[in-house]
mmCIF file of all heavy atoms, coordinates in Angstrom:
data_MODEL
# 
_entry.id   MODEL 
# 
loop_
_atom_site.group_PDB 
_atom_site.id 
_atom_site.type_symbol 
_atom_site.label_atom_id 
_atom_site.label_alt_id 
_atom_site.label_comp_id 
_atom_site.label_asym_id 
_atom_site.label_entity_id 
_atom_site.label_seq_id 
_atom_site.pdbx_PDB_ins_code 
_atom_site.Cartn_x 
_atom_site.Cartn_y 
_atom_site.Cartn_z 
_atom_site.occupancy 
_atom_site.B_iso_or_equiv 
_atom_site.pdbx_formal_charge 
_atom_site.auth_seq_id 
_atom_site.auth_comp_id 
_atom_site.auth_asym_id 
_atom_site.auth_atom_id 
_atom_site.pdbx_PDB_model_num 
ATOM 1   N N   . ILE A 1 1  ? 17.031 45.807 -81.764 1.00 0.00 ? 1  ILE A N   1 
ATOM 2   C CA  . ILE A 1 1  ? 16.686 44.481 -81.245 1.00 0.00 ? 1  ILE A CA  1 
ATOM 3   C C   . ILE A 1 1  ? 17.835 43.939 -80.406 1.00 0.00 ? 1  ILE A C   1 
ATOM 4   O O   . ILE A 1 1  ? 17.607 43.270 -79.402 1.00 0.00 ? 1  ILE A O   1 
ATOM 5   C CB  . ILE A 1 1  ? 16.298 43.506 -82.387 1.00 0.00 ? 1  ILE A CB  1 
ATOM 6   C CG1 . ILE A 1 1  ? 15.829 42.177 -81.796 1.00 0.00 ? 1  ILE A CG1 1 
ATOM 7   C CG2 . ILE A 1 1  ? 17.461 43.279 -83.333 1.00 0.00 ? 1  ILE A CG2 1 
ATOM 8   C CD1 . ILE A 1 1  ? 14.607 42.273 -80.917 1.00 0.00 ? 1  ILE A CD1 1 
ATOM 9   N N   . LYS A 1 2  ? 19.064 44.263 -80.756 1.00 0.00 ? 2  LYS A N   1 
ATOM 10  C CA  . LYS A 1 2  ? 20.199 43.827 -79.946 1.00 0.00 ? 2  LYS A CA  1 
ATOM 11  C C   . LYS A 1 2  ? 20.151 44.462 -78.557 1.00 0.00 ? 2  LYS A C   1 
ATOM 12  O O   . LYS A 1 2  ? 20.434 43.801 -77.563 1.00 0.00 ? 2  LYS A O   1 
ATOM 13  C CB  . LYS A 1 2  ? 21.516 44.168 -80.648 1.00 0.00 ? 2  LYS A CB  1 
ATOM 14  C CG  . LYS A 1 2  ? 21.822 43.292 -81.862 1.00 0.00 ? 2  LYS A CG  1 
ATOM 15  C CD  . LYS A 1 2  ? 23.164 43.649 -82.470 1.00 0.00 ? 2  LYS A CD  1 
ATOM 16  C CE  . LYS A 1 2  ? 23.489 42.742 -83.635 1.00 0.00 ? 2  LYS A CE  1 
ATOM 17  N NZ  . LYS A 1 2  ? 24.819 43.085 -84.242 1.00 0.00 ? 2  LYS A NZ  1 
ATOM 18  N N   . ASP A 1 3  ? 19.773 45.733 -78.520 1.00 0.00 ? 3  ASP A N   1 
ATOM 19  C CA  . ASP A 1 3  ? 19.643 46.406 -77.223 1.00 0.00 ? 3  ASP A CA  1 
ATOM 20  C C   . ASP A 1 3  ? 18.515 45.792 -76.403 1.00 0.00 ? 3  ASP A C   1 
ATOM 21  O O   . ASP A 1 3  ? 18.631 45.625 -75.193 1.00 0.00 ? 3  ASP A O   1 
ATOM 22  C CB  . ASP A 1 3  ? 19.396 47.897 -77.453 1.00 0.00 ? 3  ASP A CB  1 
ATOM 23  C CG  . ASP A 1 3  ? 19.288 48.668 -76.143 1.00 0.00 ? 3  ASP A CG  1 
ATOM 24  O OD1 . ASP A 1 3  ? 20.275 48.692 -75.393 1.00 0.00 ? 3  ASP A OD1 1 
ATOM 25  O OD2 . ASP A 1 3  ? 18.220 49.234 -75.876 1.00 0.00 ? 3  ASP A OD2 1 
ATOM 26  N N   . THR A 1 4  ? 17.408 45.444 -77.069 1.00 0.00 ? 4  THR A N   1 
ATOM 27  C CA  . THR A 1 4  ? 16.293 44.786 -76.376 1.00 0.00 ? 4  THR A CA  1 
ATOM 28  C C   . THR A 1 4  ? 16.728 43.458 -75.775 1.00 0.00 ? 4  THR A C   1 
ATOM 29  O O   . THR A 1 4  ? 16.377 43.118 -74.636 1.00 0.00 ? 4  THR A O   1 
ATOM 30  C CB  . THR A 1 4  ? 15.125 44.562 -77.345 1.00 0.00 ? 4  THR A CB  1 
ATOM 31  O OG1 . THR A 1 4  ? 14.650 45.821 -77.830 1.00 0.00 ? 4  THR A OG1 1 
ATOM 32  C CG2 . THR A 1 4  ? 13.980 43.813 -76.675 1.00 0.00 ? 4  THR A CG2 1 
ATOM 33  N N   . ILE A 1 5  ? 17.514 42.698 -76.536 1.00 0.00 ? 5  ILE A N   1 
ATOM 34  C CA  . ILE A 1 5  ? 18.004 41.403 -76.050 1.00 0.00 ? 5  ILE A CA  1 
ATOM 35  C C   . ILE A 1 5  ? 18.905 41.600 -74.833 1.00 0.00 ? 5  ILE A C   1 
ATOM 36  O O   . ILE A 1 5  ? 18.804 40.870 -73.835 1.00 0.00 ? 5  ILE A O   1 
ATOM 37  C CB  . ILE A 1 5  ? 18.749 40.670 -77.174 1.00 0.00 ? 5  ILE A CB  1 
ATOM 38  C CG1 . ILE A 1 5  ? 17.757 40.276 -78.281 1.00 0.00 ? 5  ILE A CG1 1 
ATOM 39  C CG2 . ILE A 1 5  ? 19.470 39.438 -76.644 1.00 0.00 ? 5  ILE A CG2 1 
ATOM 40  C CD1 . ILE A 1 5  ? 18.423 39.859 -79.575 1.00 0.00 ? 5  ILE A CD1 1 
ATOM 41  N N   . ARG A 1 6  ? 19.795 42.603 -74.897 1.00 0.00 ? 6  ARG A N   1 
ATOM 42  C CA  . ARG A 1 6  ? 20.680 42.867 -73.759 1.00 0.00 ? 6  ARG A CA  1 
ATOM 43  C C   . ARG A 1 6  ? 19.886 43.231 -72.514 1.00 0.00 ? 6  ARG A C   1 
ATOM 44  O O   . ARG A 1 6  ? 20.217 42.798 -71.395 1.00 0.00 ? 6  ARG A O   1 
ATOM 45  C CB  . ARG A 1 6  ? 21.665 43.991 -74.111 1.00 0.00 ? 6  ARG A CB  1 
ATOM 46  C CG  . ARG A 1 6  ? 22.839 43.545 -74.965 1.00 0.00 ? 6  ARG A CG  1 
ATOM 47  C CD  . ARG A 1 6  ? 23.892 44.636 -75.031 1.00 0.00 ? 6  ARG A CD  1 
ATOM 48  N NE  . ARG A 1 6  ? 23.378 45.813 -75.738 1.00 0.00 ? 6  ARG A NE  1 
ATOM 49  C CZ  . ARG A 1 6  ? 23.532 46.012 -77.040 1.00 0.00 ? 6  ARG A CZ  1 
ATOM 50  N NH1 . ARG A 1 6  ? 24.160 45.102 -77.788 1.00 0.00 ? 6  ARG A NH1 1 
ATOM 51  N NH2 . ARG A 1 6  ? 23.062 47.108 -77.616 1.00 0.00 ? 6  ARG A NH2 1 
ATOM 52  N N   . ARG A 1 7  ? 18.832 44.014 -72.677 1.00 0.00 ? 7  ARG A N   1 
ATOM 53  C CA  . ARG A 1 7  ? 18.028 44.419 -71.519 1.00 0.00 ? 7  ARG A CA  1 
ATOM 54  C C   . ARG A 1 7  ? 17.244 43.236 -70.945 1.00 0.00 ? 7  ARG A C   1 
ATOM 55  O O   . ARG A 1 7  ? 17.039 43.139 -69.734 1.00 0.00 ? 7  ARG A O   1 
ATOM 56  C CB  . ARG A 1 7  ? 17.091 45.564 -71.903 1.00 0.00 ? 7  ARG A CB  1 
ATOM 57  C CG  . ARG A 1 7  ? 17.826 46.889 -72.056 1.00 0.00 ? 7  ARG A CG  1 
ATOM 58  C CD  . ARG A 1 7  ? 16.892 48.058 -72.260 1.00 0.00 ? 7  ARG A CD  1 
ATOM 59  N NE  . ARG A 1 7  ? 16.420 48.159 -73.635 1.00 0.00 ? 7  ARG A NE  1 
ATOM 60  C CZ  . ARG A 1 7  ? 15.217 47.875 -74.049 1.00 0.00 ? 7  ARG A CZ  1 
ATOM 61  N NH1 . ARG A 1 7  ? 14.302 47.455 -73.178 1.00 0.00 ? 7  ARG A NH1 1 
ATOM 62  N NH2 . ARG A 1 7  ? 14.865 48.013 -75.313 1.00 0.00 ? 7  ARG A NH2 1 
ATOM 63  N N   . ARG A 1 8  ? 16.789 42.334 -71.816 1.00 0.00 ? 8  ARG A N   1 
ATOM 64  C CA  . ARG A 1 8  ? 16.094 41.143 -71.320 1.00 0.00 ? 8  ARG A CA  1 
ATOM 65  C C   . ARG A 1 8  ? 17.045 40.260 -70.510 1.00 0.00 ? 8  ARG A C   1 
ATOM 66  O O   . ARG A 1 8  ? 16.616 39.568 -69.573 1.00 0.00 ? 8  ARG A O   1 
ATOM 67  C CB  . ARG A 1 8  ? 15.544 40.324 -72.501 1.00 0.00 ? 8  ARG A CB  1 
ATOM 68  C CG  . ARG A 1 8  ? 14.407 40.961 -73.277 1.00 0.00 ? 8  ARG A CG  1 
ATOM 69  C CD  . ARG A 1 8  ? 13.100 40.852 -72.543 1.00 0.00 ? 8  ARG A CD  1 
ATOM 70  N NE  . ARG A 1 8  ? 11.962 41.134 -73.404 1.00 0.00 ? 8  ARG A NE  1 
ATOM 71  C CZ  . ARG A 1 8  ? 11.560 42.341 -73.777 1.00 0.00 ? 8  ARG A CZ  1 
ATOM 72  N NH1 . ARG A 1 8  ? 12.222 43.414 -73.348 1.00 0.00 ? 8  ARG A NH1 1 
ATOM 73  N NH2 . ARG A 1 8  ? 10.503 42.517 -74.561 1.00 0.00 ? 8  ARG A NH2 1 
ATOM 74  N N   . LEU A 1 9  ? 18.324 40.257 -70.874 1.00 0.00 ? 9  LEU A N   1 
ATOM 75  C CA  . LEU A 1 9  ? 19.304 39.371 -70.233 1.00 0.00 ? 9  LEU A CA  1 
ATOM 76  C C   . LEU A 1 9  ? 20.308 40.182 -69.424 1.00 0.00 ? 9  LEU A C   1 
ATOM 77  O O   . LEU A 1 9  ? 21.501 39.866 -69.409 1.00 0.00 ? 9  LEU A O   1 
ATOM 78  C CB  . LEU A 1 9  ? 20.020 38.545 -71.309 1.00 0.00 ? 9  LEU A CB  1 
ATOM 79  C CG  . LEU A 1 9  ? 19.110 37.643 -72.159 1.00 0.00 ? 9  LEU A CG  1 
ATOM 80  C CD1 . LEU A 1 9  ? 19.863 37.035 -73.320 1.00 0.00 ? 9  LEU A CD1 1 
ATOM 81  C CD2 . LEU A 1 9  ? 18.482 36.553 -71.293 1.00 0.00 ? 9  LEU A CD2 1 
ATOM 82  N N   . ARG A 1 10 ? 19.834 41.195 -68.766 1.00 0.00 ? 10 ARG A N   1 
ATOM 83  C CA  . ARG A 1 10 ? 20.718 42.057 -67.994 1.00 0.00 ? 10 ARG A CA  1 
ATOM 84  C C   . ARG A 1 10 ? 21.289 41.305 -66.787 1.00 0.00 ? 10 ARG A C   1 
ATOM 85  O O   . ARG A 1 10 ? 20.636 40.384 -66.243 1.00 0.00 ? 10 ARG A O   1 
ATOM 86  C CB  . ARG A 1 10 ? 19.963 43.290 -67.505 1.00 0.00 ? 10 ARG A CB  1 
ATOM 87  C CG  . ARG A 1 10 ? 18.877 42.980 -66.493 1.00 0.00 ? 10 ARG A CG  1 
ATOM 88  C CD  . ARG A 1 10 ? 18.044 44.202 -66.179 1.00 0.00 ? 10 ARG A CD  1 
ATOM 89  N NE  . ARG A 1 10 ? 17.055 43.903 -65.145 1.00 0.00 ? 10 ARG A NE  1 
ATOM 90  C CZ  . ARG A 1 10 ? 15.894 43.316 -65.370 1.00 0.00 ? 10 ARG A CZ  1 
ATOM 91  N NH1 . ARG A 1 10 ? 15.576 42.966 -66.602 1.00 0.00 ? 10 ARG A NH1 1 
ATOM 92  N NH2 . ARG A 1 10 ? 15.052 43.104 -64.369 1.00 0.00 ? 10 ARG A NH2 1 
ATOM 93  N N   . PRO A 1 11 ? 22.485 41.653 -66.353 1.00 0.00 ? 11 PRO A N   1 
ATOM 94  C CA  . PRO A 1 11 ? 23.049 41.033 -65.153 1.00 0.00 ? 11 PRO A CA  1 
ATOM 95  C C   . PRO A 1 11 ? 22.159 41.264 -63.926 1.00 0.00 ? 11 PRO A C   1 
ATOM 96  O O   . PRO A 1 11 ? 21.582 42.332 -63.771 1.00 0.00 ? 11 PRO A O   1 
ATOM 97  C CB  . PRO A 1 11 ? 24.405 41.749 -64.995 1.00 0.00 ? 11 PRO A CB  1 
ATOM 98  C CG  . PRO A 1 11 ? 24.736 42.249 -66.370 1.00 0.00 ? 11 PRO A CG  1 
ATOM 99  C CD  . PRO A 1 11 ? 23.421 42.598 -67.004 1.00 0.00 ? 11 PRO A CD  1 
ATOM 100 N N   . GLY A 1 12 ? 22.043 40.271 -63.115 1.00 0.00 ? 12 GLY A N   1 
ATOM 101 C CA  . GLY A 1 12 ? 21.220 40.387 -61.923 1.00 0.00 ? 12 GLY A CA  1 
ATOM 102 C C   . GLY A 1 12 ? 19.772 39.963 -62.112 1.00 0.00 ? 12 GLY A C   1 
ATOM 103 O O   . GLY A 1 12 ? 19.004 39.937 -61.158 1.00 0.00 ? 12 GLY A O   1 
ATOM 104 N N   . ASN A 1 13 ? 19.408 39.614 -63.332 1.00 0.00 ? 13 ASN A N   1 
ATOM 105 C CA  . ASN A 1 13 ? 18.045 39.152 -63.580 1.00 0.00 ? 13 ASN A CA  1 
ATOM 106 C C   . ASN A 1 13 ? 17.880 37.758 -62.984 1.00 0.00 ? 13 ASN A C   1 
ATOM 107 O O   . ASN A 1 13 ? 18.487 36.787 -63.452 1.00 0.00 ? 13 ASN A O   1 
ATOM 108 C CB  . ASN A 1 13 ? 17.791 39.127 -65.086 1.00 0.00 ? 13 ASN A CB  1 
ATOM 109 C CG  . ASN A 1 13 ? 16.369 38.701 -65.429 1.00 0.00 ? 13 ASN A CG  1 
ATOM 110 O OD1 . ASN A 1 13 ? 15.581 38.344 -64.550 1.00 0.00 ? 13 ASN A OD1 1 
ATOM 111 N ND2 . ASN A 1 13 ? 16.024 38.756 -66.700 1.00 0.00 ? 13 ASN A ND2 1 
ATOM 112 N N   . GLN A 1 14 ? 17.064 37.636 -61.940 1.00 0.00 ? 14 GLN A N   1 
ATOM 113 C CA  . GLN A 1 14 ? 16.864 36.364 -61.248 1.00 0.00 ? 14 GLN A CA  1 
ATOM 114 C C   . GLN A 1 14 ? 15.557 35.673 -61.646 1.00 0.00 ? 14 GLN A C   1 
ATOM 115 O O   . GLN A 1 14 ? 15.144 34.709 -60.998 1.00 0.00 ? 14 GLN A O   1 
ATOM 116 C CB  . GLN A 1 14 ? 16.895 36.602 -59.730 1.00 0.00 ? 14 GLN A CB  1 
ATOM 117 C CG  . GLN A 1 14 ? 18.199 37.168 -59.219 1.00 0.00 ? 14 GLN A CG  1 
ATOM 118 C CD  . GLN A 1 14 ? 19.383 36.253 -59.503 1.00 0.00 ? 14 GLN A CD  1 
ATOM 119 O OE1 . GLN A 1 14 ? 19.269 35.037 -59.374 1.00 0.00 ? 14 GLN A OE1 1 
ATOM 120 N NE2 . GLN A 1 14 ? 20.506 36.842 -59.909 1.00 0.00 ? 14 GLN A NE2 1 
ATOM 121 N N   . THR A 1 15 ? 14.922 36.146 -62.687 1.00 0.00 ? 15 THR A N   1 
ATOM 122 C CA  . THR A 1 15 ? 13.666 35.531 -63.151 1.00 0.00 ? 15 THR A CA  1 
ATOM 123 C C   . THR A 1 15 ? 13.923 34.085 -63.589 1.00 0.00 ? 15 THR A C   1 
ATOM 124 O O   . THR A 1 15 ? 14.961 33.805 -64.179 1.00 0.00 ? 15 THR A O   1 
ATOM 125 C CB  . THR A 1 15 ? 13.092 36.341 -64.323 1.00 0.00 ? 15 THR A CB  1 
ATOM 126 O OG1 . THR A 1 15 ? 12.975 37.699 -63.936 1.00 0.00 ? 15 THR A OG1 1 
ATOM 127 C CG2 . THR A 1 15 ? 11.728 35.819 -64.732 1.00 0.00 ? 15 THR A CG2 1 
ATOM 128 N N   . PRO A 1 16 ? 13.005 33.164 -63.316 1.00 0.00 ? 16 PRO A N   1 
ATOM 129 C CA  . PRO A 1 16 ? 13.191 31.775 -63.779 1.00 0.00 ? 16 PRO A CA  1 
ATOM 130 C C   . PRO A 1 16 ? 13.456 31.713 -65.277 1.00 0.00 ? 16 PRO A C   1 
ATOM 131 O O   . PRO A 1 16 ? 12.888 32.502 -66.050 1.00 0.00 ? 16 PRO A O   1 
ATOM 132 C CB  . PRO A 1 16 ? 11.850 31.109 -63.410 1.00 0.00 ? 16 PRO A CB  1 
ATOM 133 C CG  . PRO A 1 16 ? 11.331 31.912 -62.270 1.00 0.00 ? 16 PRO A CG  1 
ATOM 134 C CD  . PRO A 1 16 ? 11.772 33.325 -62.514 1.00 0.00 ? 16 PRO A CD  1 
ATOM 135 N N   . TRP A 1 17 ? 14.303 30.770 -65.677 1.00 0.00 ? 17 TRP A N   1 
ATOM 136 C CA  . TRP A 1 17 ? 14.738 30.713 -67.066 1.00 0.00 ? 17 TRP A CA  1 
ATOM 137 C C   . TRP A 1 17 ? 13.564 30.553 -68.040 1.00 0.00 ? 17 TRP A C   1 
ATOM 138 O O   . TRP A 1 17 ? 13.572 31.124 -69.124 1.00 0.00 ? 17 TRP A O   1 
ATOM 139 C CB  . TRP A 1 17 ? 15.733 29.565 -67.284 1.00 0.00 ? 17 TRP A CB  1 
ATOM 140 C CG  . TRP A 1 17 ? 16.050 29.380 -68.733 1.00 0.00 ? 17 TRP A CG  1 
ATOM 141 C CD1 . TRP A 1 17 ? 15.727 28.350 -69.544 1.00 0.00 ? 17 TRP A CD1 1 
ATOM 142 C CD2 . TRP A 1 17 ? 16.737 30.332 -69.576 1.00 0.00 ? 17 TRP A CD2 1 
ATOM 143 N NE1 . TRP A 1 17 ? 16.156 28.573 -70.826 1.00 0.00 ? 17 TRP A NE1 1 
ATOM 144 C CE2 . TRP A 1 17 ? 16.787 29.775 -70.868 1.00 0.00 ? 17 TRP A CE2 1 
ATOM 145 C CE3 . TRP A 1 17 ? 17.310 31.579 -69.348 1.00 0.00 ? 17 TRP A CE3 1 
ATOM 146 C CZ2 . TRP A 1 17 ? 17.382 30.446 -71.940 1.00 0.00 ? 17 TRP A CZ2 1 
ATOM 147 C CZ3 . TRP A 1 17 ? 17.910 32.245 -70.413 1.00 0.00 ? 17 TRP A CZ3 1 
ATOM 148 C CH2 . TRP A 1 17 ? 17.947 31.674 -71.689 1.00 0.00 ? 17 TRP A CH2 1 
ATOM 149 N N   . GLU A 1 18 ? 12.545 29.811 -67.657 1.00 0.00 ? 18 GLU A N   1 
ATOM 150 C CA  . GLU A 1 18 ? 11.408 29.616 -68.562 1.00 0.00 ? 18 GLU A CA  1 
ATOM 151 C C   . GLU A 1 18 ? 10.749 30.953 -68.909 1.00 0.00 ? 18 GLU A C   1 
ATOM 152 O O   . GLU A 1 18 ? 10.345 31.180 -70.060 1.00 0.00 ? 18 GLU A O   1 
ATOM 153 C CB  . GLU A 1 18 ? 10.362 28.685 -67.921 1.00 0.00 ? 18 GLU A CB  1 
ATOM 154 C CG  . GLU A 1 18 ? 10.825 27.239 -67.736 1.00 0.00 ? 18 GLU A CG  1 
ATOM 155 C CD  . GLU A 1 18 ? 11.783 27.071 -66.568 1.00 0.00 ? 18 GLU A CD  1 
ATOM 156 O OE1 . GLU A 1 18 ? 11.921 28.032 -65.771 1.00 0.00 ? 18 GLU A OE1 1 
ATOM 157 O OE2 . GLU A 1 18 ? 12.401 25.996 -66.465 1.00 0.00 ? 18 GLU A OE2 1 
ATOM 158 N N   . VAL A 1 19 ? 10.654 31.832 -67.909 1.00 0.00 ? 19 VAL A N   1 
ATOM 159 C CA  . VAL A 1 19 ? 10.060 33.154 -68.143 1.00 0.00 ? 19 VAL A CA  1 
ATOM 160 C C   . VAL A 1 19 ? 10.995 34.025 -68.971 1.00 0.00 ? 19 VAL A C   1 
ATOM 161 O O   . VAL A 1 19 ? 10.572 34.735 -69.891 1.00 0.00 ? 19 VAL A O   1 
ATOM 162 C CB  . VAL A 1 19 ? 9.727  33.833 -66.797 1.00 0.00 ? 19 VAL A CB  1 
ATOM 163 C CG1 . VAL A 1 19 ? 9.149  35.227 -67.042 1.00 0.00 ? 19 VAL A CG1 1 
ATOM 164 C CG2 . VAL A 1 19 ? 8.772  32.982 -65.995 1.00 0.00 ? 19 VAL A CG2 1 
ATOM 165 N N   . VAL A 1 20 ? 12.287 33.961 -68.664 1.00 0.00 ? 20 VAL A N   1 
ATOM 166 C CA  . VAL A 1 20 ? 13.278 34.732 -69.433 1.00 0.00 ? 20 VAL A CA  1 
ATOM 167 C C   . VAL A 1 20 ? 13.225 34.318 -70.897 1.00 0.00 ? 20 VAL A C   1 
ATOM 168 O O   . VAL A 1 20 ? 13.195 35.156 -71.799 1.00 0.00 ? 20 VAL A O   1 
ATOM 169 C CB  . VAL A 1 20 ? 14.690 34.524 -68.863 1.00 0.00 ? 20 VAL A CB  1 
ATOM 170 C CG1 . VAL A 1 20 ? 15.732 35.196 -69.758 1.00 0.00 ? 20 VAL A CG1 1 
ATOM 171 C CG2 . VAL A 1 20 ? 14.788 35.102 -67.453 1.00 0.00 ? 20 VAL A CG2 1 
ATOM 172 N N   . ALA A 1 21 ? 13.234 33.006 -71.162 1.00 0.00 ? 21 ALA A N   1 
ATOM 173 C CA  . ALA A 1 21 ? 13.226 32.505 -72.539 1.00 0.00 ? 21 ALA A CA  1 
ATOM 174 C C   . ALA A 1 21 ? 11.943 32.897 -73.261 1.00 0.00 ? 21 ALA A C   1 
ATOM 175 O O   . ALA A 1 21 ? 11.969 33.270 -74.441 1.00 0.00 ? 21 ALA A O   1 
ATOM 176 C CB  . ALA A 1 21 ? 13.391 30.988 -72.537 1.00 0.00 ? 21 ALA A CB  1 
ATOM 177 N N   . ARG A 1 22 ? 10.818 32.857 -72.551 1.00 0.00 ? 22 ARG A N   1 
ATOM 178 C CA  . ARG A 1 22 ? 9.546  33.224 -73.178 1.00 0.00 ? 22 ARG A CA  1 
ATOM 179 C C   . ARG A 1 22 ? 9.535  34.698 -73.584 1.00 0.00 ? 22 ARG A C   1 
ATOM 180 O O   . ARG A 1 22 ? 9.134  35.034 -74.707 1.00 0.00 ? 22 ARG A O   1 
ATOM 181 C CB  . ARG A 1 22 ? 8.397  32.937 -72.219 1.00 0.00 ? 22 ARG A CB  1 
ATOM 182 C CG  . ARG A 1 22 ? 7.016  33.161 -72.854 1.00 0.00 ? 22 ARG A CG  1 
ATOM 183 C CD  . ARG A 1 22 ? 5.895  32.933 -71.863 1.00 0.00 ? 22 ARG A CD  1 
ATOM 184 N NE  . ARG A 1 22 ? 5.926  33.918 -70.788 1.00 0.00 ? 22 ARG A NE  1 
ATOM 185 C CZ  . ARG A 1 22 ? 5.909  33.604 -69.492 1.00 0.00 ? 22 ARG A CZ  1 
ATOM 186 N NH1 . ARG A 1 22 ? 5.877  32.333 -69.103 1.00 0.00 ? 22 ARG A NH1 1 
ATOM 187 N NH2 . ARG A 1 22 ? 5.914  34.565 -68.573 1.00 0.00 ? 22 ARG A NH2 1 
ATOM 188 N N   . ASP A 1 23 ? 10.010 35.578 -72.684 1.00 0.00 ? 23 ASP A N   1 
ATOM 189 C CA  . ASP A 1 23 ? 10.046 36.998 -73.011 1.00 0.00 ? 23 ASP A CA  1 
ATOM 190 C C   . ASP A 1 23 ? 11.036 37.291 -74.139 1.00 0.00 ? 23 ASP A C   1 
ATOM 191 O O   . ASP A 1 23 ? 10.776 38.125 -75.016 1.00 0.00 ? 23 ASP A O   1 
ATOM 192 C CB  . ASP A 1 23 ? 10.425 37.810 -71.773 1.00 0.00 ? 23 ASP A CB  1 
ATOM 193 C CG  . ASP A 1 23 ? 9.342  37.777 -70.705 1.00 0.00 ? 23 ASP A CG  1 
ATOM 194 O OD1 . ASP A 1 23 ? 8.206  37.389 -71.042 1.00 0.00 ? 23 ASP A OD1 1 
ATOM 195 O OD2 . ASP A 1 23 ? 9.636  38.135 -69.549 1.00 0.00 ? 23 ASP A OD2 1 
ATOM 196 N N   . LEU A 1 24 ? 12.173 36.617 -74.096 1.00 0.00 ? 24 LEU A N   1 
ATOM 197 C CA  . LEU A 1 24 ? 13.168 36.793 -75.145 1.00 0.00 ? 24 LEU A CA  1 
ATOM 198 C C   . LEU A 1 24 ? 12.616 36.343 -76.494 1.00 0.00 ? 24 LEU A C   1 
ATOM 199 O O   . LEU A 1 24 ? 12.765 37.038 -77.507 1.00 0.00 ? 24 LEU A O   1 
ATOM 200 C CB  . LEU A 1 24 ? 14.422 35.988 -74.795 1.00 0.00 ? 24 LEU A CB  1 
ATOM 201 C CG  . LEU A 1 24 ? 15.578 36.039 -75.801 1.00 0.00 ? 24 LEU A CG  1 
ATOM 202 C CD1 . LEU A 1 24 ? 16.125 37.447 -75.928 1.00 0.00 ? 24 LEU A CD1 1 
ATOM 203 C CD2 . LEU A 1 24 ? 16.694 35.081 -75.362 1.00 0.00 ? 24 LEU A CD2 1 
ATOM 204 N N   . ASN A 1 25 ? 11.948 35.192 -76.525 1.00 0.00 ? 25 ASN A N   1 
ATOM 205 C CA  . ASN A 1 25 ? 11.391 34.665 -77.771 1.00 0.00 ? 25 ASN A CA  1 
ATOM 206 C C   . ASN A 1 25 ? 10.304 35.576 -78.320 1.00 0.00 ? 25 ASN A C   1 
ATOM 207 O O   . ASN A 1 25 ? 10.172 35.737 -79.535 1.00 0.00 ? 25 ASN A O   1 
ATOM 208 C CB  . ASN A 1 25 ? 10.828 33.266 -77.543 1.00 0.00 ? 25 ASN A CB  1 
ATOM 209 C CG  . ASN A 1 25 ? 11.923 32.235 -77.315 1.00 0.00 ? 25 ASN A CG  1 
ATOM 210 O OD1 . ASN A 1 25 ? 13.097 32.504 -77.583 1.00 0.00 ? 25 ASN A OD1 1 
ATOM 211 N ND2 . ASN A 1 25 ? 11.554 31.074 -76.807 1.00 0.00 ? 25 ASN A ND2 1 
ATOM 212 N N   . ARG A 1 26 ? 9.530  36.183 -77.415 1.00 0.00 ? 26 ARG A N   1 
ATOM 213 C CA  . ARG A 1 26 ? 8.475  37.086 -77.859 1.00 0.00 ? 26 ARG A CA  1 
ATOM 214 C C   . ARG A 1 26 ? 9.085  38.278 -78.588 1.00 0.00 ? 26 ARG A C   1 
ATOM 215 O O   . ARG A 1 26 ? 8.594  38.706 -79.648 1.00 0.00 ? 26 ARG A O   1 
ATOM 216 C CB  . ARG A 1 26 ? 7.648  37.557 -76.679 1.00 0.00 ? 26 ARG A CB  1 
ATOM 217 C CG  . ARG A 1 26 ? 6.450  38.427 -77.089 1.00 0.00 ? 26 ARG A CG  1 
ATOM 218 C CD  . ARG A 1 26 ? 5.694  38.952 -75.879 1.00 0.00 ? 26 ARG A CD  1 
ATOM 219 N NE  . ARG A 1 26 ? 5.140  37.872 -75.099 1.00 0.00 ? 26 ARG A NE  1 
ATOM 220 C CZ  . ARG A 1 26 ? 5.464  37.605 -73.846 1.00 0.00 ? 26 ARG A CZ  1 
ATOM 221 N NH1 . ARG A 1 26 ? 6.376  38.341 -73.228 1.00 0.00 ? 26 ARG A NH1 1 
ATOM 222 N NH2 . ARG A 1 26 ? 4.897  36.619 -73.198 1.00 0.00 ? 26 ARG A NH2 1 
ATOM 223 N N   . ALA A 1 27 ? 10.175 38.835 -78.047 1.00 0.00 ? 27 ALA A N   1 
ATOM 224 C CA  . ALA A 1 27 ? 10.836 39.976 -78.689 1.00 0.00 ? 27 ALA A CA  1 
ATOM 225 C C   . ALA A 1 27 ? 11.438 39.590 -80.031 1.00 0.00 ? 27 ALA A C   1 
ATOM 226 O O   . ALA A 1 27 ? 11.304 40.305 -81.027 1.00 0.00 ? 27 ALA A O   1 
ATOM 227 C CB  . ALA A 1 27 ? 11.917 40.540 -77.756 1.00 0.00 ? 27 ALA A CB  1 
ATOM 228 N N   . VAL A 1 28 ? 12.109 38.435 -80.076 1.00 0.00 ? 28 VAL A N   1 
ATOM 229 C CA  . VAL A 1 28 ? 12.756 37.985 -81.317 1.00 0.00 ? 28 VAL A CA  1 
ATOM 230 C C   . VAL A 1 28 ? 11.706 37.661 -82.374 1.00 0.00 ? 28 VAL A C   1 
ATOM 231 O O   . VAL A 1 28 ? 11.848 38.024 -83.546 1.00 0.00 ? 28 VAL A O   1 
ATOM 232 C CB  . VAL A 1 28 ? 13.645 36.756 -81.044 1.00 0.00 ? 28 VAL A CB  1 
ATOM 233 C CG1 . VAL A 1 28 ? 14.130 36.136 -82.346 1.00 0.00 ? 28 VAL A CG1 1 
ATOM 234 C CG2 . VAL A 1 28 ? 14.823 37.142 -80.171 1.00 0.00 ? 28 VAL A CG2 1 
# 
């Protein structure tokens, strides 16, 4: 799960924060 979180928040990810947070929350 730590690796999944790192991949969701990889450097260079320009996705809007609302989408990033939603995908991150889904994984967690």
